[in-house]
Amino acid sequence: MQALFDTPRGHRVILCMPLRDFMASRLMRDQAAVAMCTPGELVLAHLPAEPAALDAEDFAPALTEACEAATEFSVSHVTLDDRDLRYARRLLRDSAAAVGTGPSAA
């Protein structure tokens, strides 16, 4: 994954890291904690449709937008490679399954 990151002090930094590392980053953990969910669930909540419903052509742009929205747009210009997309499909599938099997509200 490659992306632009706006630091709290107003600097722009180019990130080059696997999506797996980005999802485990402090930024994503903090954003997920505020939303009381996991980073995967946070990104899943910002996808326009179920990941399984998105074809290969639509998945990358949707995931890019979801990552940017999940970080409240402090990350932008995201570019994902094939390894990132494979990881994201697994992560989002697992996150969707976890959300679907959790306790329901009474």
N, C-alpha and C. Protein backbone atom coordinates (compact mmCIF):
# COMPACT_ATOMS: atom_id res chain seq x y z
N MET A 1 0.84 -1.17 0.00
CA MET A 1 0.00 0.00 0.00
C MET A 1 0.89 1.23 0.00
N GLN A 2 0.48 2.21 -0.74
CA GLN A 2 1.14 3.50 -0.72
C GLN A 2 0.05 4.54 -0.51
N ALA A 3 0.32 5.54 0.34
CA ALA A 3 -0.67 6.57 0.63
C ALA A 3 0.00 7.82 1.16
N LEU A 4 -0.71 8.92 1.09
CA LEU A 4 -0.28 10.16 1.72
C LEU A 4 -0.94 10.22 3.09
N PHE A 5 -0.18 10.65 4.08
CA PHE A 5 -0.66 10.73 5.45
C PHE A 5 -0.44 12.13 5.96
N ASP A 6 -1.48 12.74 6.49
CA ASP A 6 -1.37 14.07 7.10
C ASP A 6 -1.13 13.88 8.59
N THR A 7 0.02 14.36 9.07
CA THR A 7 0.35 14.22 10.48
C THR A 7 -0.43 15.24 11.31
N PRO A 8 -0.54 15.00 12.61
CA PRO A 8 -1.23 15.97 13.47
C PRO A 8 -0.61 17.37 13.42
N ARG A 9 0.66 17.47 13.08
CA ARG A 9 1.33 18.77 12.99
C ARG A 9 1.22 19.40 11.61
N GLY A 10 0.45 18.79 10.73
CA GLY A 10 0.22 19.37 9.42
C GLY A 10 1.21 19.01 8.34
N HIS A 11 2.08 18.04 8.57
CA HIS A 11 3.02 17.60 7.55
C HIS A 11 2.43 16.46 6.75
N ARG A 12 2.84 16.36 5.50
CA ARG A 12 2.42 15.25 4.65
C ARG A 12 3.57 14.26 4.54
N VAL A 13 3.25 13.00 4.73
CA VAL A 13 4.24 11.93 4.68
C VAL A 13 3.72 10.87 3.73
N ILE A 14 4.61 10.29 2.92
CA ILE A 14 4.22 9.17 2.06
C ILE A 14 4.45 7.88 2.82
N LEU A 15 3.40 7.08 2.94
CA LEU A 15 3.50 5.78 3.58
C LEU A 15 3.67 4.70 2.52
N CYS A 16 4.58 3.81 2.72
CA CYS A 16 4.74 2.63 1.88
C CYS A 16 4.82 1.45 2.83
N MET A 17 3.73 0.71 2.95
CA MET A 17 3.68 -0.43 3.87
C MET A 17 2.60 -1.39 3.40
N PRO A 18 2.71 -2.64 3.81
CA PRO A 18 1.63 -3.56 3.49
C PRO A 18 0.33 -3.14 4.18
N LEU A 19 -0.78 -3.41 3.56
CA LEU A 19 -2.08 -3.09 4.14
C LEU A 19 -2.22 -3.73 5.52
N ARG A 20 -1.67 -4.90 5.69
CA ARG A 20 -1.72 -5.60 6.98
C ARG A 20 -1.12 -4.71 8.08
N ASP A 21 0.01 -4.07 7.81
CA ASP A 21 0.65 -3.19 8.78
C ASP A 21 -0.18 -1.92 9.01
N PHE A 22 -0.77 -1.40 7.95
CA PHE A 22 -1.61 -0.21 8.07
C PHE A 22 -2.81 -0.51 8.97
N MET A 23 -3.43 -1.67 8.78
CA MET A 23 -4.60 -2.03 9.58
C MET A 23 -4.23 -2.21 11.06
N ALA A 24 -2.98 -2.58 11.32
CA ALA A 24 -2.52 -2.76 12.70
C ALA A 24 -1.89 -1.49 13.26
N SER A 25 -1.89 -0.41 12.49
CA SER A 25 -1.23 0.83 12.91
C SER A 25 -1.99 1.51 14.05
N ARG A 26 -1.29 2.38 14.73
CA ARG A 26 -1.89 3.13 15.83
C ARG A 26 -3.08 3.96 15.34
N LEU A 27 -2.95 4.56 14.16
CA LEU A 27 -4.04 5.35 13.60
C LEU A 27 -5.31 4.52 13.49
N MET A 28 -5.20 3.34 12.89
CA MET A 28 -6.37 2.50 12.70
C MET A 28 -6.89 1.95 14.03
N ARG A 29 -5.99 1.58 14.92
CA ARG A 29 -6.43 1.09 16.24
C ARG A 29 -7.18 2.19 17.00
N ASP A 30 -6.65 3.43 16.94
CA ASP A 30 -7.31 4.54 17.63
C ASP A 30 -8.68 4.85 17.03
N GLN A 31 -8.76 4.89 15.70
CA GLN A 31 -10.04 5.17 15.04
C GLN A 31 -11.05 4.07 15.37
N ALA A 32 -10.59 2.82 15.37
CA ALA A 32 -11.49 1.70 15.69
C ALA A 32 -11.93 1.75 17.15
N ALA A 33 -11.03 2.14 18.04
CA ALA A 33 -11.39 2.23 19.46
C ALA A 33 -12.48 3.27 19.68
N VAL A 34 -12.38 4.39 18.98
CA VAL A 34 -13.41 5.43 19.09
C VAL A 34 -14.76 4.89 18.61
N ALA A 35 -14.72 4.10 17.56
CA ALA A 35 -15.95 3.51 17.00
C ALA A 35 -16.35 2.22 17.71
N MET A 36 -15.55 1.80 18.68
CA MET A 36 -15.79 0.58 19.46
C MET A 36 -15.93 -0.66 18.56
N CYS A 37 -14.92 -0.83 17.69
CA CYS A 37 -14.90 -1.98 16.81
C CYS A 37 -13.45 -2.30 16.47
N THR A 38 -13.25 -3.25 15.60
CA THR A 38 -11.90 -3.57 15.12
C THR A 38 -11.60 -2.73 13.88
N PRO A 39 -10.31 -2.60 13.52
CA PRO A 39 -10.01 -1.88 12.28
C PRO A 39 -10.70 -2.49 11.06
N GLY A 40 -10.77 -3.81 11.00
CA GLY A 40 -11.45 -4.46 9.87
C GLY A 40 -12.93 -4.10 9.82
N GLU A 41 -13.58 -4.10 10.98
CA GLU A 41 -15.00 -3.72 11.03
C GLU A 41 -15.19 -2.26 10.65
N LEU A 42 -14.22 -1.42 11.03
CA LEU A 42 -14.30 0.00 10.70
C LEU A 42 -14.24 0.21 9.18
N VAL A 43 -13.32 -0.46 8.53
CA VAL A 43 -13.22 -0.35 7.07
C VAL A 43 -14.46 -0.94 6.41
N LEU A 44 -14.90 -2.08 6.92
CA LEU A 44 -16.09 -2.74 6.38
C LEU A 44 -17.30 -1.81 6.45
N ALA A 45 -17.42 -1.05 7.52
CA ALA A 45 -18.54 -0.12 7.68
C ALA A 45 -18.52 1.00 6.65
N HIS A 46 -17.35 1.29 6.09
CA HIS A 46 -17.24 2.37 5.10
C HIS A 46 -17.29 1.88 3.66
N LEU A 47 -17.41 0.58 3.45
CA LEU A 47 -17.54 0.06 2.07
C LEU A 47 -18.96 0.33 1.59
N PRO A 48 -19.13 0.65 0.31
CA PRO A 48 -20.46 0.94 -0.21
C PRO A 48 -21.34 -0.30 -0.36
N ALA A 49 -20.74 -1.49 -0.31
CA ALA A 49 -21.48 -2.74 -0.47
C ALA A 49 -20.71 -3.85 0.22
N GLU A 50 -21.32 -5.01 0.33
CA GLU A 50 -20.62 -6.17 0.88
C GLU A 50 -19.40 -6.47 0.02
N PRO A 51 -18.26 -6.81 0.64
CA PRO A 51 -17.05 -7.10 -0.15
C PRO A 51 -17.28 -8.19 -1.19
N ALA A 52 -18.06 -9.21 -0.85
CA ALA A 52 -18.31 -10.31 -1.79
C ALA A 52 -19.10 -9.84 -3.01
N ALA A 53 -19.88 -8.77 -2.85
CA ALA A 53 -20.70 -8.27 -3.95
C ALA A 53 -19.89 -7.40 -4.92
N LEU A 54 -18.71 -6.98 -4.51
CA LEU A 54 -17.88 -6.13 -5.37
C LEU A 54 -17.00 -7.00 -6.25
N ASP A 55 -17.02 -6.75 -7.55
CA ASP A 55 -16.14 -7.52 -8.43
C ASP A 55 -14.72 -6.97 -8.32
N ALA A 56 -13.78 -7.65 -8.94
CA ALA A 56 -12.37 -7.30 -8.81
C ALA A 56 -12.10 -5.86 -9.26
N GLU A 57 -12.81 -5.40 -10.27
CA GLU A 57 -12.61 -4.06 -10.79
C GLU A 57 -13.11 -2.99 -9.81
N ASP A 58 -14.18 -3.26 -9.09
CA ASP A 58 -14.77 -2.29 -8.18
C ASP A 58 -14.19 -2.37 -6.76
N PHE A 59 -13.58 -3.49 -6.41
CA PHE A 59 -13.12 -3.69 -5.04
C PHE A 59 -12.01 -2.73 -4.64
N ALA A 60 -10.99 -2.57 -5.49
CA ALA A 60 -9.85 -1.71 -5.14
C ALA A 60 -10.27 -0.26 -4.90
N PRO A 61 -11.06 0.37 -5.80
CA PRO A 61 -11.47 1.75 -5.53
C PRO A 61 -12.36 1.86 -4.30
N ALA A 62 -13.23 0.89 -4.08
CA ALA A 62 -14.11 0.92 -2.90
C ALA A 62 -13.29 0.78 -1.62
N LEU A 63 -12.30 -0.11 -1.63
CA LEU A 63 -11.46 -0.30 -0.46
C LEU A 63 -10.60 0.94 -0.20
N THR A 64 -10.10 1.55 -1.26
CA THR A 64 -9.32 2.78 -1.13
C THR A 64 -10.16 3.86 -0.45
N GLU A 65 -11.37 4.06 -0.93
CA GLU A 65 -12.26 5.06 -0.34
C GLU A 65 -12.61 4.72 1.10
N ALA A 66 -12.82 3.45 1.38
CA ALA A 66 -13.16 3.02 2.74
C ALA A 66 -12.00 3.27 3.71
N CYS A 67 -10.77 3.01 3.28
CA CYS A 67 -9.60 3.27 4.12
C CYS A 67 -9.46 4.76 4.41
N GLU A 68 -9.69 5.57 3.39
CA GLU A 68 -9.59 7.02 3.58
C GLU A 68 -10.69 7.51 4.52
N ALA A 69 -11.91 7.04 4.33
CA ALA A 69 -13.02 7.46 5.19
C ALA A 69 -12.84 6.97 6.62
N ALA A 70 -12.32 5.76 6.78
CA ALA A 70 -12.12 5.20 8.12
C ALA A 70 -11.10 5.99 8.93
N THR A 71 -10.18 6.65 8.24
CA THR A 71 -9.17 7.46 8.93
C THR A 71 -9.58 8.92 9.00
N GLU A 72 -10.84 9.18 8.67
CA GLU A 72 -11.36 10.55 8.61
C GLU A 72 -10.54 11.40 7.65
N PHE A 73 -10.08 10.76 6.58
CA PHE A 73 -9.37 11.38 5.47
C PHE A 73 -8.02 11.98 5.86
N SER A 74 -7.42 11.46 6.94
CA SER A 74 -6.03 11.85 7.22
C SER A 74 -5.08 11.02 6.36
N VAL A 75 -5.62 10.00 5.70
CA VAL A 75 -4.87 9.21 4.72
C VAL A 75 -5.57 9.39 3.38
N SER A 76 -4.81 9.68 2.34
CA SER A 76 -5.40 9.89 1.03
C SER A 76 -4.50 9.32 -0.06
N HIS A 77 -4.98 9.33 -1.27
CA HIS A 77 -4.24 8.85 -2.44
C HIS A 77 -3.71 7.43 -2.22
N VAL A 78 -4.56 6.58 -1.72
CA VAL A 78 -4.18 5.19 -1.42
C VAL A 78 -4.04 4.41 -2.72
N THR A 79 -2.96 3.66 -2.83
CA THR A 79 -2.74 2.73 -3.94
C THR A 79 -2.47 1.37 -3.34
N LEU A 80 -3.21 0.37 -3.78
CA LEU A 80 -3.08 -0.98 -3.25
C LEU A 80 -2.53 -1.92 -4.30
N ASP A 81 -1.69 -2.86 -3.87
CA ASP A 81 -1.20 -3.87 -4.81
C ASP A 81 -2.02 -5.15 -4.65
N ASP A 82 -1.72 -6.16 -5.45
CA ASP A 82 -2.50 -7.41 -5.42
C ASP A 82 -2.45 -8.11 -4.06
N ARG A 83 -1.30 -8.06 -3.41
CA ARG A 83 -1.16 -8.70 -2.10
C ARG A 83 -2.06 -7.99 -1.08
N ASP A 84 -2.13 -6.67 -1.15
CA ASP A 84 -3.01 -5.90 -0.26
C ASP A 84 -4.47 -6.28 -0.49
N LEU A 85 -4.85 -6.43 -1.75
CA LEU A 85 -6.24 -6.76 -2.07
C LEU A 85 -6.61 -8.16 -1.58
N ARG A 86 -5.69 -9.12 -1.71
CA ARG A 86 -5.95 -10.48 -1.20
C ARG A 86 -6.11 -10.45 0.32
N TYR A 87 -5.21 -9.74 0.98
CA TYR A 87 -5.29 -9.61 2.44
C TYR A 87 -6.61 -8.95 2.84
N ALA A 88 -6.99 -7.90 2.14
CA ALA A 88 -8.22 -7.17 2.48
C ALA A 88 -9.44 -8.05 2.33
N ARG A 89 -9.50 -8.83 1.28
CA ARG A 89 -10.66 -9.71 1.10
C ARG A 89 -10.78 -10.69 2.27
N ARG A 90 -9.64 -11.27 2.69
CA ARG A 90 -9.67 -12.19 3.84
C ARG A 90 -10.09 -11.47 5.12
N LEU A 91 -9.48 -10.32 5.37
CA LEU A 91 -9.76 -9.56 6.58
C LEU A 91 -11.22 -9.14 6.64
N LEU A 92 -11.74 -8.62 5.54
CA LEU A 92 -13.11 -8.14 5.53
C LEU A 92 -14.10 -9.29 5.60
N ARG A 93 -13.77 -10.43 4.98
CA ARG A 93 -14.63 -11.60 5.09
C ARG A 93 -14.69 -12.06 6.54
N ASP A 94 -13.53 -12.10 7.22
CA ASP A 94 -13.50 -12.52 8.62
C ASP A 94 -14.21 -11.51 9.51
N SER A 95 -14.04 -10.22 9.23
CA SER A 95 -14.72 -9.18 10.02
C SER A 95 -16.22 -9.24 9.84
N ALA A 96 -16.67 -9.48 8.61
CA ALA A 96 -18.10 -9.58 8.35
C ALA A 96 -18.68 -10.80 9.07
N ALA A 97 -17.93 -11.89 9.10
CA ALA A 97 -18.40 -13.09 9.79
C ALA A 97 -18.48 -12.84 11.29
N ALA A 98 -17.51 -12.13 11.84
CA ALA A 98 -17.50 -11.83 13.28
C ALA A 98 -18.68 -10.92 13.65
N VAL A 99 -18.99 -9.95 12.81
CA VAL A 99 -20.11 -9.06 13.08
C VAL A 99 -21.43 -9.84 13.01
N GLY A 100 -21.51 -10.74 12.05
CA GLY A 100 -22.73 -11.52 11.88
C GLY A 100 -22.97 -12.56 12.97
N THR A 101 -21.94 -12.95 13.70
CA THR A 101 -22.10 -13.99 14.72
C THR A 101 -22.07 -13.44 16.13
N GLY A 102 -21.97 -12.13 16.27
CA GLY A 102 -21.93 -11.53 17.60
C GLY A 102 -23.28 -11.54 18.28
N PRO A 103 -23.33 -11.15 19.56
CA PRO A 103 -24.61 -11.13 20.26
C PRO A 103 -25.52 -10.07 19.68
N SER A 104 -26.79 -10.34 19.72
CA SER A 104 -27.74 -9.37 19.19
C SER A 104 -28.32 -8.56 20.35
N ALA A 105 -28.77 -7.35 20.01
CA ALA A 105 -29.35 -6.48 21.04
C ALA A 105 -30.72 -6.98 21.42
N ALA A 106 -31.05 -6.85 22.68
CA ALA A 106 -32.38 -7.31 23.14
C ALA A 106 -33.38 -6.19 23.04
